[in-house]
């Protein structure tokens, strides 16, 4: 266990805190905890890279913690009517399809290594910014004008682009296995 792994576990523990804060109408606390989780993500990455504390466990835990937080916040904001349900379904479906593709390829004896693509990193960044904007609007009872609307559409485009890019990558990987006669 490395220091970054403990920080990542802390981020896992923040997920129910953020969700309970949202459901308890404590928007300020939800925003603070979400931002703390985001900062902790940067801190654990910095420590892992600069102090040679990378680990196999951390390579799995870190993206899991990020996805759990984002998916949970998106789902709750969707049910609260703060995000369009179609965007929530789109974002959650993309993540579920990626997990299913990885599991299927592993079950078929042709495990695929998923490396984050640029479009996927951009998608995650846009989702984080959208979540922060929505949480900040709720916490401060302010509107940031068309920012939320624009971010919703940016997330939609990036989600579709990211899903398509991963699908192409996965199909090529699985096709190579078929050509090799497995």
N, C-alpha and C. Protein backbone atom coordinates (compact mmCIF):
# COMPACT_ATOMS: atom_id res chain seq x y z
N UNK A 1 0.86 -1.20 0.00
CA UNK A 1 0.00 0.00 0.00
C UNK A 1 0.89 1.24 0.00
N UNK A 2 0.61 2.11 -0.93
CA UNK A 2 1.37 3.35 -1.05
C UNK A 2 0.51 4.53 -0.57
N UNK A 3 1.14 5.66 -0.37
CA UNK A 3 0.41 6.87 0.02
C UNK A 3 -0.65 7.21 -1.02
N UNK A 4 -0.33 7.18 -2.34
CA UNK A 4 -1.38 7.46 -3.32
C UNK A 4 -2.58 6.51 -3.21
N UNK A 5 -2.33 5.25 -2.88
CA UNK A 5 -3.44 4.30 -2.73
C UNK A 5 -4.34 4.67 -1.56
N UNK A 6 -3.75 5.13 -0.46
CA UNK A 6 -4.55 5.57 0.68
C UNK A 6 -5.38 6.81 0.31
N UNK A 7 -4.78 7.71 -0.47
CA UNK A 7 -5.52 8.90 -0.91
C UNK A 7 -6.68 8.48 -1.82
N UNK A 8 -6.44 7.51 -2.68
CA UNK A 8 -7.50 7.01 -3.57
C UNK A 8 -8.62 6.36 -2.76
N UNK A 9 -8.28 5.60 -1.74
CA UNK A 9 -9.29 4.99 -0.87
C UNK A 9 -10.10 6.07 -0.17
N UNK A 10 -9.44 7.14 0.24
CA UNK A 10 -10.14 8.29 0.82
C UNK A 10 -11.16 8.84 -0.17
N UNK A 11 -10.78 8.88 -1.46
CA UNK A 11 -11.70 9.37 -2.50
C UNK A 11 -12.92 8.44 -2.62
N UNK A 12 -12.70 7.15 -2.50
CA UNK A 12 -13.83 6.20 -2.49
C UNK A 12 -14.77 6.53 -1.33
N UNK A 13 -14.19 6.84 -0.18
CA UNK A 13 -15.00 7.14 1.01
C UNK A 13 -15.77 8.45 0.87
N UNK A 14 -15.27 9.35 0.03
CA UNK A 14 -15.97 10.63 -0.19
C UNK A 14 -17.23 10.47 -1.04
N UNK A 15 -17.31 9.40 -1.81
CA UNK A 15 -18.47 9.21 -2.70
C UNK A 15 -19.78 9.21 -1.92
N UNK A 16 -19.95 8.35 -0.90
CA UNK A 16 -21.23 8.40 -0.17
C UNK A 16 -21.46 9.73 0.54
N UNK A 17 -20.39 10.40 0.95
CA UNK A 17 -20.53 11.69 1.61
C UNK A 17 -21.12 12.71 0.64
N UNK A 18 -20.58 12.75 -0.58
CA UNK A 18 -21.10 13.68 -1.60
C UNK A 18 -22.55 13.36 -1.90
N UNK A 19 -22.87 12.09 -2.09
CA UNK A 19 -24.23 11.69 -2.44
C UNK A 19 -25.20 12.01 -1.31
N UNK A 20 -24.83 11.68 -0.08
CA UNK A 20 -25.71 11.99 1.05
C UNK A 20 -25.90 13.49 1.21
N UNK A 21 -24.84 14.26 0.97
CA UNK A 21 -24.97 15.72 1.05
C UNK A 21 -25.96 16.23 0.01
N UNK A 22 -25.87 15.70 -1.21
CA UNK A 22 -26.81 16.12 -2.26
C UNK A 22 -28.24 15.74 -1.88
N UNK A 23 -28.42 14.51 -1.42
CA UNK A 23 -29.77 14.04 -1.10
C UNK A 23 -30.33 14.70 0.15
N UNK A 24 -29.44 15.23 1.00
CA UNK A 24 -29.86 15.92 2.22
C UNK A 24 -29.99 17.42 2.01
N UNK A 25 -29.88 17.84 0.78
CA UNK A 25 -30.00 19.26 0.42
C UNK A 25 -28.88 20.12 1.02
N UNK A 26 -27.73 19.52 1.23
CA UNK A 26 -26.57 20.26 1.71
C UNK A 26 -25.61 20.44 0.53
N UNK A 27 -26.01 21.30 -0.39
CA UNK A 27 -25.30 21.48 -1.66
C UNK A 27 -23.88 22.01 -1.46
N UNK A 28 -23.70 22.87 -0.46
CA UNK A 28 -22.36 23.43 -0.22
C UNK A 28 -21.39 22.31 0.16
N UNK A 29 -21.83 21.43 1.06
CA UNK A 29 -20.97 20.33 1.50
C UNK A 29 -20.69 19.38 0.34
N UNK A 30 -21.69 19.14 -0.50
CA UNK A 30 -21.50 18.28 -1.68
C UNK A 30 -20.43 18.87 -2.59
N UNK A 31 -20.51 20.18 -2.82
CA UNK A 31 -19.52 20.85 -3.68
C UNK A 31 -18.13 20.75 -3.06
N UNK A 32 -18.02 21.05 -1.78
CA UNK A 32 -16.71 21.01 -1.11
C UNK A 32 -16.11 19.60 -1.21
N UNK A 33 -16.88 18.59 -0.91
CA UNK A 33 -16.37 17.22 -0.93
C UNK A 33 -16.01 16.78 -2.35
N UNK A 34 -16.80 17.21 -3.33
CA UNK A 34 -16.50 16.87 -4.72
C UNK A 34 -15.18 17.52 -5.14
N UNK A 35 -14.98 18.77 -4.77
CA UNK A 35 -13.74 19.47 -5.11
C UNK A 35 -12.56 18.83 -4.37
N UNK A 36 -12.75 18.47 -3.11
CA UNK A 36 -11.69 17.80 -2.36
C UNK A 36 -11.32 16.48 -3.04
N UNK A 37 -12.32 15.74 -3.50
CA UNK A 37 -12.05 14.49 -4.21
C UNK A 37 -11.24 14.77 -5.48
N UNK A 38 -11.61 15.81 -6.20
CA UNK A 38 -10.88 16.16 -7.42
C UNK A 38 -9.44 16.55 -7.14
N UNK A 39 -9.24 17.34 -6.10
CA UNK A 39 -7.89 17.75 -5.72
C UNK A 39 -7.08 16.52 -5.27
N UNK A 40 -7.72 15.64 -4.51
CA UNK A 40 -7.01 14.45 -4.05
C UNK A 40 -6.59 13.56 -5.22
N UNK A 41 -7.37 13.57 -6.29
CA UNK A 41 -7.01 12.81 -7.49
C UNK A 41 -5.71 13.35 -8.08
N UNK A 42 -5.60 14.67 -8.15
CA UNK A 42 -4.37 15.27 -8.64
C UNK A 42 -3.18 15.02 -7.72
N UNK A 43 -3.43 15.08 -6.41
CA UNK A 43 -2.37 14.89 -5.42
C UNK A 43 -1.84 13.45 -5.48
N UNK A 44 -2.75 12.47 -5.54
CA UNK A 44 -2.24 11.09 -5.55
C UNK A 44 -1.46 10.80 -6.83
N UNK A 45 -1.91 11.37 -7.94
CA UNK A 45 -1.16 11.20 -9.20
C UNK A 45 0.22 11.84 -9.13
N UNK A 46 0.28 13.04 -8.56
CA UNK A 46 1.55 13.74 -8.43
C UNK A 46 2.52 12.94 -7.56
N UNK A 47 2.03 12.47 -6.42
CA UNK A 47 2.88 11.70 -5.51
C UNK A 47 3.35 10.40 -6.19
N UNK A 48 2.44 9.73 -6.88
CA UNK A 48 2.79 8.47 -7.53
C UNK A 48 3.89 8.68 -8.58
N UNK A 49 3.76 9.74 -9.36
CA UNK A 49 4.74 9.99 -10.43
C UNK A 49 6.06 10.53 -9.90
N UNK A 50 6.00 11.50 -9.02
CA UNK A 50 7.21 12.21 -8.61
C UNK A 50 7.97 11.54 -7.46
N UNK A 51 7.34 10.63 -6.76
CA UNK A 51 8.01 9.96 -5.65
C UNK A 51 8.06 8.45 -5.86
N UNK A 52 7.92 8.06 -7.13
CA UNK A 52 8.02 6.65 -7.53
C UNK A 52 7.15 5.74 -6.65
N UNK A 53 5.88 6.12 -6.52
CA UNK A 53 4.96 5.32 -5.72
C UNK A 53 3.83 4.77 -6.58
N UNK A 54 4.11 4.53 -7.84
CA UNK A 54 3.12 3.90 -8.72
C UNK A 54 2.96 2.44 -8.30
N UNK A 55 1.75 1.94 -8.45
CA UNK A 55 1.51 0.53 -8.12
C UNK A 55 0.44 -0.03 -9.04
N UNK A 56 0.45 -1.33 -9.20
CA UNK A 56 -0.57 -1.99 -10.01
C UNK A 56 -1.94 -1.76 -9.41
N UNK A 57 -2.03 -1.88 -8.07
CA UNK A 57 -3.30 -1.65 -7.39
C UNK A 57 -3.79 -0.23 -7.67
N UNK A 58 -2.92 0.74 -7.56
CA UNK A 58 -3.29 2.13 -7.80
C UNK A 58 -3.75 2.36 -9.24
N UNK A 59 -3.14 1.65 -10.18
CA UNK A 59 -3.52 1.79 -11.59
C UNK A 59 -4.98 1.35 -11.81
N UNK A 60 -5.46 0.44 -10.98
CA UNK A 60 -6.86 0.01 -11.07
C UNK A 60 -7.77 0.86 -10.19
N UNK A 61 -7.31 1.13 -8.96
CA UNK A 61 -8.16 1.86 -8.01
C UNK A 61 -8.46 3.29 -8.46
N UNK A 62 -7.45 3.99 -8.96
CA UNK A 62 -7.60 5.41 -9.29
C UNK A 62 -8.73 5.66 -10.29
N UNK A 63 -8.73 5.00 -11.45
CA UNK A 63 -9.84 5.25 -12.38
C UNK A 63 -11.18 4.76 -11.85
N UNK A 64 -11.15 3.70 -11.02
CA UNK A 64 -12.41 3.22 -10.43
C UNK A 64 -13.01 4.27 -9.49
N UNK A 65 -12.16 4.89 -8.68
CA UNK A 65 -12.63 5.93 -7.76
C UNK A 65 -13.20 7.11 -8.53
N UNK A 66 -12.50 7.51 -9.60
CA UNK A 66 -12.97 8.62 -10.42
C UNK A 66 -14.34 8.31 -11.04
N UNK A 67 -14.46 7.13 -11.61
CA UNK A 67 -15.71 6.76 -12.28
C UNK A 67 -16.85 6.62 -11.29
N UNK A 68 -16.57 6.01 -10.14
CA UNK A 68 -17.62 5.84 -9.13
C UNK A 68 -18.15 7.20 -8.68
N UNK A 69 -17.25 8.15 -8.45
CA UNK A 69 -17.66 9.49 -8.04
C UNK A 69 -18.47 10.17 -9.14
N UNK A 70 -17.95 10.17 -10.35
CA UNK A 70 -18.64 10.87 -11.44
C UNK A 70 -19.98 10.24 -11.77
N UNK A 71 -20.01 8.91 -11.88
CA UNK A 71 -21.27 8.23 -12.20
C UNK A 71 -22.30 8.49 -11.10
N UNK A 72 -21.88 8.38 -9.85
CA UNK A 72 -22.80 8.59 -8.73
C UNK A 72 -23.37 10.01 -8.73
N UNK A 73 -22.50 10.99 -8.93
CA UNK A 73 -22.94 12.39 -8.95
C UNK A 73 -23.85 12.64 -10.15
N UNK A 74 -23.49 12.11 -11.30
CA UNK A 74 -24.32 12.29 -12.50
C UNK A 74 -25.71 11.69 -12.28
N UNK A 75 -25.77 10.47 -11.73
CA UNK A 75 -27.06 9.82 -11.51
C UNK A 75 -27.92 10.63 -10.56
N UNK A 76 -27.36 11.07 -9.45
CA UNK A 76 -28.14 11.84 -8.48
C UNK A 76 -28.57 13.18 -9.08
N UNK A 77 -27.66 13.86 -9.76
CA UNK A 77 -28.04 15.14 -10.39
C UNK A 77 -29.11 14.94 -11.46
N UNK A 78 -29.05 13.80 -12.13
CA UNK A 78 -30.09 13.48 -13.12
C UNK A 78 -31.44 13.29 -12.47
N UNK A 79 -31.48 12.54 -11.39
CA UNK A 79 -32.75 12.31 -10.69
C UNK A 79 -33.26 13.57 -10.00
N UNK A 80 -32.34 14.48 -9.69
CA UNK A 80 -32.76 15.75 -9.11
C UNK A 80 -33.27 16.71 -10.18
N UNK A 81 -33.12 16.33 -11.44
CA UNK A 81 -33.54 17.19 -12.54
C UNK A 81 -32.52 18.26 -12.90
N UNK A 82 -31.31 18.12 -12.39
CA UNK A 82 -30.26 19.12 -12.65
C UNK A 82 -29.42 18.78 -13.86
N UNK A 83 -29.47 17.54 -14.30
CA UNK A 83 -28.83 17.13 -15.55
C UNK A 83 -29.87 16.38 -16.37
N UNK A 84 -29.81 16.52 -17.69
CA UNK A 84 -30.77 15.79 -18.51
C UNK A 84 -30.55 14.27 -18.36
N UNK A 85 -31.65 13.55 -18.20
CA UNK A 85 -31.53 12.10 -18.02
C UNK A 85 -30.87 11.42 -19.21
N UNK A 86 -31.09 11.95 -20.41
CA UNK A 86 -30.46 11.33 -21.59
C UNK A 86 -28.94 11.40 -21.49
N UNK A 87 -28.41 12.48 -20.92
CA UNK A 87 -26.96 12.60 -20.77
C UNK A 87 -26.47 11.62 -19.71
N UNK A 88 -27.21 11.49 -18.62
CA UNK A 88 -26.83 10.55 -17.57
C UNK A 88 -26.81 9.12 -18.12
N UNK A 89 -27.86 8.76 -18.84
CA UNK A 89 -27.93 7.41 -19.43
C UNK A 89 -26.77 7.21 -20.41
N UNK A 90 -26.48 8.22 -21.21
CA UNK A 90 -25.40 8.13 -22.18
C UNK A 90 -24.05 7.92 -21.47
N UNK A 91 -23.78 8.70 -20.45
CA UNK A 91 -22.50 8.62 -19.74
C UNK A 91 -22.36 7.28 -19.02
N UNK A 92 -23.40 6.86 -18.34
CA UNK A 92 -23.35 5.59 -17.60
C UNK A 92 -23.26 4.42 -18.57
N UNK A 93 -23.99 4.47 -19.67
CA UNK A 93 -23.95 3.40 -20.66
C UNK A 93 -22.58 3.25 -21.28
N UNK A 94 -21.93 4.38 -21.57
CA UNK A 94 -20.57 4.34 -22.13
C UNK A 94 -19.64 3.60 -21.18
N UNK A 95 -19.69 3.96 -19.91
CA UNK A 95 -18.81 3.30 -18.93
C UNK A 95 -19.15 1.82 -18.80
N UNK A 96 -20.42 1.49 -18.78
CA UNK A 96 -20.84 0.08 -18.67
C UNK A 96 -20.39 -0.72 -19.89
N UNK A 97 -20.50 -0.12 -21.07
CA UNK A 97 -20.07 -0.82 -22.29
C UNK A 97 -18.56 -1.09 -22.28
N UNK A 98 -17.79 -0.14 -21.78
CA UNK A 98 -16.34 -0.34 -21.70
C UNK A 98 -16.03 -1.49 -20.74
N UNK A 99 -16.66 -1.49 -19.58
CA UNK A 99 -16.44 -2.56 -18.61
C UNK A 99 -16.85 -3.91 -19.20
N UNK A 100 -18.00 -3.96 -19.86
CA UNK A 100 -18.47 -5.22 -20.47
C UNK A 100 -17.51 -5.70 -21.55
N UNK A 101 -16.98 -4.79 -22.36
CA UNK A 101 -16.04 -5.17 -23.42
C UNK A 101 -14.76 -5.76 -22.81
N UNK A 102 -14.27 -5.14 -21.76
CA UNK A 102 -13.06 -5.64 -21.10
C UNK A 102 -13.33 -7.02 -20.50
N UNK A 103 -14.47 -7.17 -19.83
CA UNK A 103 -14.82 -8.47 -19.24
C UNK A 103 -14.99 -9.54 -20.32
N UNK A 104 -15.68 -9.22 -21.40
CA UNK A 104 -15.91 -10.18 -22.47
C UNK A 104 -14.60 -10.63 -23.10
N UNK A 105 -13.73 -9.69 -23.38
CA UNK A 105 -12.45 -10.06 -24.00
C UNK A 105 -11.62 -10.93 -23.04
N UNK A 106 -11.72 -10.65 -21.74
CA UNK A 106 -10.99 -11.46 -20.75
C UNK A 106 -11.57 -12.87 -20.68
N UNK A 107 -12.90 -12.97 -20.65
CA UNK A 107 -13.57 -14.28 -20.60
C UNK A 107 -13.23 -15.09 -21.85
N UNK A 108 -13.11 -14.42 -22.98
CA UNK A 108 -12.80 -15.09 -24.24
C UNK A 108 -11.31 -15.42 -24.36
N UNK A 109 -10.53 -15.11 -23.33
CA UNK A 109 -9.11 -15.44 -23.35
C UNK A 109 -8.27 -14.48 -24.17
N UNK A 110 -8.81 -13.31 -24.44
CA UNK A 110 -8.10 -12.30 -25.23
C UNK A 110 -8.17 -10.96 -24.50
N UNK A 111 -7.58 -10.89 -23.30
CA UNK A 111 -7.71 -9.66 -22.51
C UNK A 111 -7.19 -8.44 -23.26
N UNK A 112 -7.91 -7.37 -23.09
CA UNK A 112 -7.55 -6.11 -23.73
C UNK A 112 -7.06 -5.16 -22.63
N UNK A 113 -6.01 -4.43 -22.95
CA UNK A 113 -5.52 -3.42 -22.03
C UNK A 113 -6.12 -2.09 -22.45
N UNK A 114 -6.88 -1.49 -21.56
CA UNK A 114 -7.53 -0.22 -21.88
C UNK A 114 -6.60 0.90 -21.43
N UNK A 115 -6.16 1.66 -22.40
CA UNK A 115 -5.34 2.83 -22.11
C UNK A 115 -6.20 4.05 -22.38
N UNK A 116 -6.22 4.99 -21.46
CA UNK A 116 -7.06 6.18 -21.67
C UNK A 116 -6.66 6.92 -22.95
N UNK A 117 -7.64 7.16 -23.78
CA UNK A 117 -7.43 7.92 -25.01
C UNK A 117 -7.60 9.40 -24.71
N UNK A 118 -7.05 10.24 -25.57
CA UNK A 118 -7.18 11.68 -25.37
C UNK A 118 -8.65 12.10 -25.28
N UNK A 119 -9.48 11.56 -26.19
CA UNK A 119 -10.90 11.93 -26.18
C UNK A 119 -11.57 11.50 -24.88
N UNK A 120 -11.10 10.39 -24.31
CA UNK A 120 -11.66 9.93 -23.04
C UNK A 120 -11.24 10.84 -21.89
N UNK A 121 -9.99 11.28 -21.91
CA UNK A 121 -9.53 12.21 -20.88
C UNK A 121 -10.28 13.54 -20.99
N UNK A 122 -10.50 13.99 -22.22
CA UNK A 122 -11.26 15.23 -22.44
C UNK A 122 -12.70 15.05 -21.95
N UNK A 123 -13.27 13.88 -22.19
CA UNK A 123 -14.63 13.58 -21.75
C UNK A 123 -14.72 13.63 -20.22
N UNK A 124 -13.77 12.98 -19.56
CA UNK A 124 -13.77 12.98 -18.09
C UNK A 124 -13.61 14.40 -17.56
N UNK A 125 -12.70 15.16 -18.16
CA UNK A 125 -12.49 16.55 -17.72
C UNK A 125 -13.77 17.37 -17.89
N UNK A 126 -14.44 17.21 -19.02
CA UNK A 126 -15.69 17.95 -19.27
C UNK A 126 -16.77 17.54 -18.27
N UNK A 127 -16.85 16.24 -17.95
CA UNK A 127 -17.84 15.78 -16.97
C UNK A 127 -17.55 16.36 -15.59
N UNK A 128 -16.28 16.41 -15.22
CA UNK A 128 -15.92 16.98 -13.92
C UNK A 128 -16.29 18.46 -13.86
N UNK A 129 -15.96 19.19 -14.92
CA UNK A 129 -16.28 20.62 -14.96
C UNK A 129 -17.80 20.81 -14.91
N UNK A 130 -18.54 20.00 -15.66
CA UNK A 130 -20.00 20.10 -15.63
C UNK A 130 -20.53 19.84 -14.23
N UNK A 131 -20.03 18.80 -13.57
CA UNK A 131 -20.49 18.49 -12.20
C UNK A 131 -20.17 19.65 -11.26
N UNK A 132 -18.98 20.23 -11.38
CA UNK A 132 -18.62 21.35 -10.51
C UNK A 132 -19.51 22.55 -10.78
N UNK A 133 -19.79 22.83 -12.05
CA UNK A 133 -20.65 23.97 -12.39
C UNK A 133 -22.05 23.77 -11.80
N UNK A 134 -22.61 22.59 -11.98
CA UNK A 134 -23.96 22.32 -11.46
C UNK A 134 -23.96 22.40 -9.93
N UNK A 135 -22.97 21.77 -9.29
CA UNK A 135 -22.91 21.82 -7.83
C UNK A 135 -22.71 23.25 -7.32
N UNK A 136 -21.89 24.03 -8.03
CA UNK A 136 -21.66 25.43 -7.62
C UNK A 136 -22.93 26.26 -7.81
N UNK A 137 -23.65 26.04 -8.91
CA UNK A 137 -24.91 26.76 -9.12
C UNK A 137 -25.89 26.43 -7.99
N UNK A 138 -25.94 25.16 -7.60
CA UNK A 138 -26.84 24.76 -6.52
C UNK A 138 -26.39 25.32 -5.18
N UNK A 139 -25.08 25.26 -4.92
CA UNK A 139 -24.55 25.71 -3.63
C UNK A 139 -24.71 27.21 -3.44
N UNK A 140 -24.52 27.96 -4.50
CA UNK A 140 -24.56 29.42 -4.39
C UNK A 140 -25.86 30.03 -4.90
N UNK A 141 -26.80 29.17 -5.31
CA UNK A 141 -28.09 29.62 -5.86
C UNK A 141 -27.87 30.68 -6.95
N UNK A 142 -26.91 30.41 -7.79
CA UNK A 142 -26.57 31.30 -8.90
C UNK A 142 -26.61 30.52 -10.20
N UNK A 143 -26.77 31.25 -11.28
CA UNK A 143 -26.70 30.63 -12.61
C UNK A 143 -25.46 31.18 -13.31
N UNK A 144 -24.75 30.30 -13.98
CA UNK A 144 -23.59 30.73 -14.74
C UNK A 144 -23.95 30.89 -16.21
N UNK A 145 -25.17 31.35 -16.46
CA UNK A 145 -25.62 31.61 -17.82
C UNK A 145 -25.67 30.33 -18.65
N UNK A 146 -25.21 30.42 -19.89
CA UNK A 146 -25.30 29.25 -20.78
C UNK A 146 -24.22 28.20 -20.54
N UNK A 147 -23.39 28.38 -19.52
CA UNK A 147 -22.28 27.47 -19.27
C UNK A 147 -22.74 26.02 -19.12
N UNK A 148 -23.76 25.81 -18.30
CA UNK A 148 -24.24 24.44 -18.07
C UNK A 148 -24.74 23.83 -19.37
N UNK A 149 -25.54 24.58 -20.13
CA UNK A 149 -26.07 24.09 -21.40
C UNK A 149 -24.94 23.68 -22.34
N UNK A 150 -23.93 24.53 -22.47
CA UNK A 150 -22.81 24.25 -23.36
C UNK A 150 -22.02 23.03 -22.89
N UNK A 151 -21.82 22.92 -21.58
CA UNK A 151 -21.09 21.77 -21.04
C UNK A 151 -21.87 20.46 -21.23
N UNK A 152 -23.18 20.52 -21.11
CA UNK A 152 -24.00 19.32 -21.34
C UNK A 152 -23.76 18.81 -22.77
N UNK A 153 -23.79 19.71 -23.73
CA UNK A 153 -23.60 19.29 -25.12
C UNK A 153 -22.16 18.89 -25.41
N UNK A 154 -21.21 19.54 -24.78
CA UNK A 154 -19.81 19.14 -24.93
C UNK A 154 -19.63 17.72 -24.38
N UNK A 155 -20.19 17.46 -23.21
CA UNK A 155 -20.11 16.11 -22.63
C UNK A 155 -20.77 15.08 -23.53
N UNK A 156 -21.90 15.43 -24.12
CA UNK A 156 -22.60 14.49 -25.00
C UNK A 156 -21.73 14.14 -26.20
N UNK A 157 -21.15 15.14 -26.83
CA UNK A 157 -20.30 14.91 -28.01
C UNK A 157 -19.07 14.09 -27.64
N UNK A 158 -18.43 14.45 -26.54
CA UNK A 158 -17.24 13.72 -26.11
C UNK A 158 -17.56 12.30 -25.66
N UNK A 159 -18.72 12.10 -25.06
CA UNK A 159 -19.12 10.75 -24.65
C UNK A 159 -19.30 9.85 -25.86
N UNK A 160 -19.99 10.36 -26.87
CA UNK A 160 -20.18 9.58 -28.10
C UNK A 160 -18.84 9.33 -28.78
N UNK A 161 -18.01 10.37 -28.87
CA UNK A 161 -16.70 10.22 -29.50
C UNK A 161 -15.82 9.23 -28.76
N UNK A 162 -15.84 9.30 -27.46
CA UNK A 162 -15.03 8.40 -26.64
C UNK A 162 -15.52 6.96 -26.77
N UNK A 163 -16.83 6.77 -26.71
CA UNK A 163 -17.40 5.42 -26.86
C UNK A 163 -17.03 4.83 -28.22
N UNK A 164 -17.15 5.64 -29.25
CA UNK A 164 -16.82 5.17 -30.61
C UNK A 164 -15.34 4.81 -30.71
N UNK A 165 -14.47 5.65 -30.15
CA UNK A 165 -13.03 5.38 -30.22
C UNK A 165 -12.67 4.09 -29.49
N UNK A 166 -13.25 3.88 -28.31
CA UNK A 166 -12.99 2.64 -27.58
C UNK A 166 -13.55 1.44 -28.31
N UNK A 167 -14.72 1.59 -28.92
CA UNK A 167 -15.32 0.48 -29.67
C UNK A 167 -14.43 0.09 -30.84
N UNK A 168 -13.94 1.05 -31.58
CA UNK A 168 -13.05 0.77 -32.71
C UNK A 168 -11.79 0.06 -32.22
N UNK A 169 -11.22 0.57 -31.14
CA UNK A 169 -10.00 -0.03 -30.57
C UNK A 169 -10.28 -1.47 -30.14
N UNK A 170 -11.40 -1.70 -29.49
CA UNK A 170 -11.75 -3.04 -29.01
C UNK A 170 -12.01 -3.99 -30.18
N UNK A 171 -12.75 -3.52 -31.19
CA UNK A 171 -13.03 -4.37 -32.35
C UNK A 171 -11.75 -4.76 -33.08
N UNK A 172 -10.82 -3.83 -33.21
CA UNK A 172 -9.53 -4.15 -33.84
C UNK A 172 -8.79 -5.20 -33.01
N UNK A 173 -8.79 -5.03 -31.70
CA UNK A 173 -8.12 -5.99 -30.82
C UNK A 173 -8.75 -7.37 -30.96
N UNK A 174 -10.06 -7.43 -30.92
CA UNK A 174 -10.75 -8.72 -31.02
C UNK A 174 -10.59 -9.32 -32.41
N UNK A 175 -10.55 -8.48 -33.43
CA UNK A 175 -10.34 -8.97 -34.82
C UNK A 175 -8.97 -9.57 -35.01
N UNK A 176 -7.95 -9.00 -34.38
CA UNK A 176 -6.59 -9.56 -34.47
C UNK A 176 -6.58 -10.96 -33.85
N UNK A 177 -7.32 -11.14 -32.77
CA UNK A 177 -7.39 -12.44 -32.11
C UNK A 177 -8.05 -13.46 -33.05
N UNK A 178 -9.12 -13.05 -33.72
CA UNK A 178 -9.82 -13.95 -34.64
C UNK A 178 -8.91 -14.34 -35.81
N UNK A 179 -8.16 -13.36 -36.31
CA UNK A 179 -7.26 -13.64 -37.44
C UNK A 179 -6.12 -14.56 -37.04
N UNK A 180 -5.74 -14.49 -35.77
CA UNK A 180 -4.66 -15.35 -35.28
C UNK A 180 -5.13 -16.78 -35.05
N UNK A 181 -6.44 -17.00 -35.19
CA UNK A 181 -6.99 -18.35 -35.10
C UNK A 181 -7.36 -18.80 -33.72
N UNK A 182 -7.60 -17.88 -32.80
CA UNK A 182 -7.98 -18.25 -31.42
C UNK A 182 -9.44 -18.50 -31.33
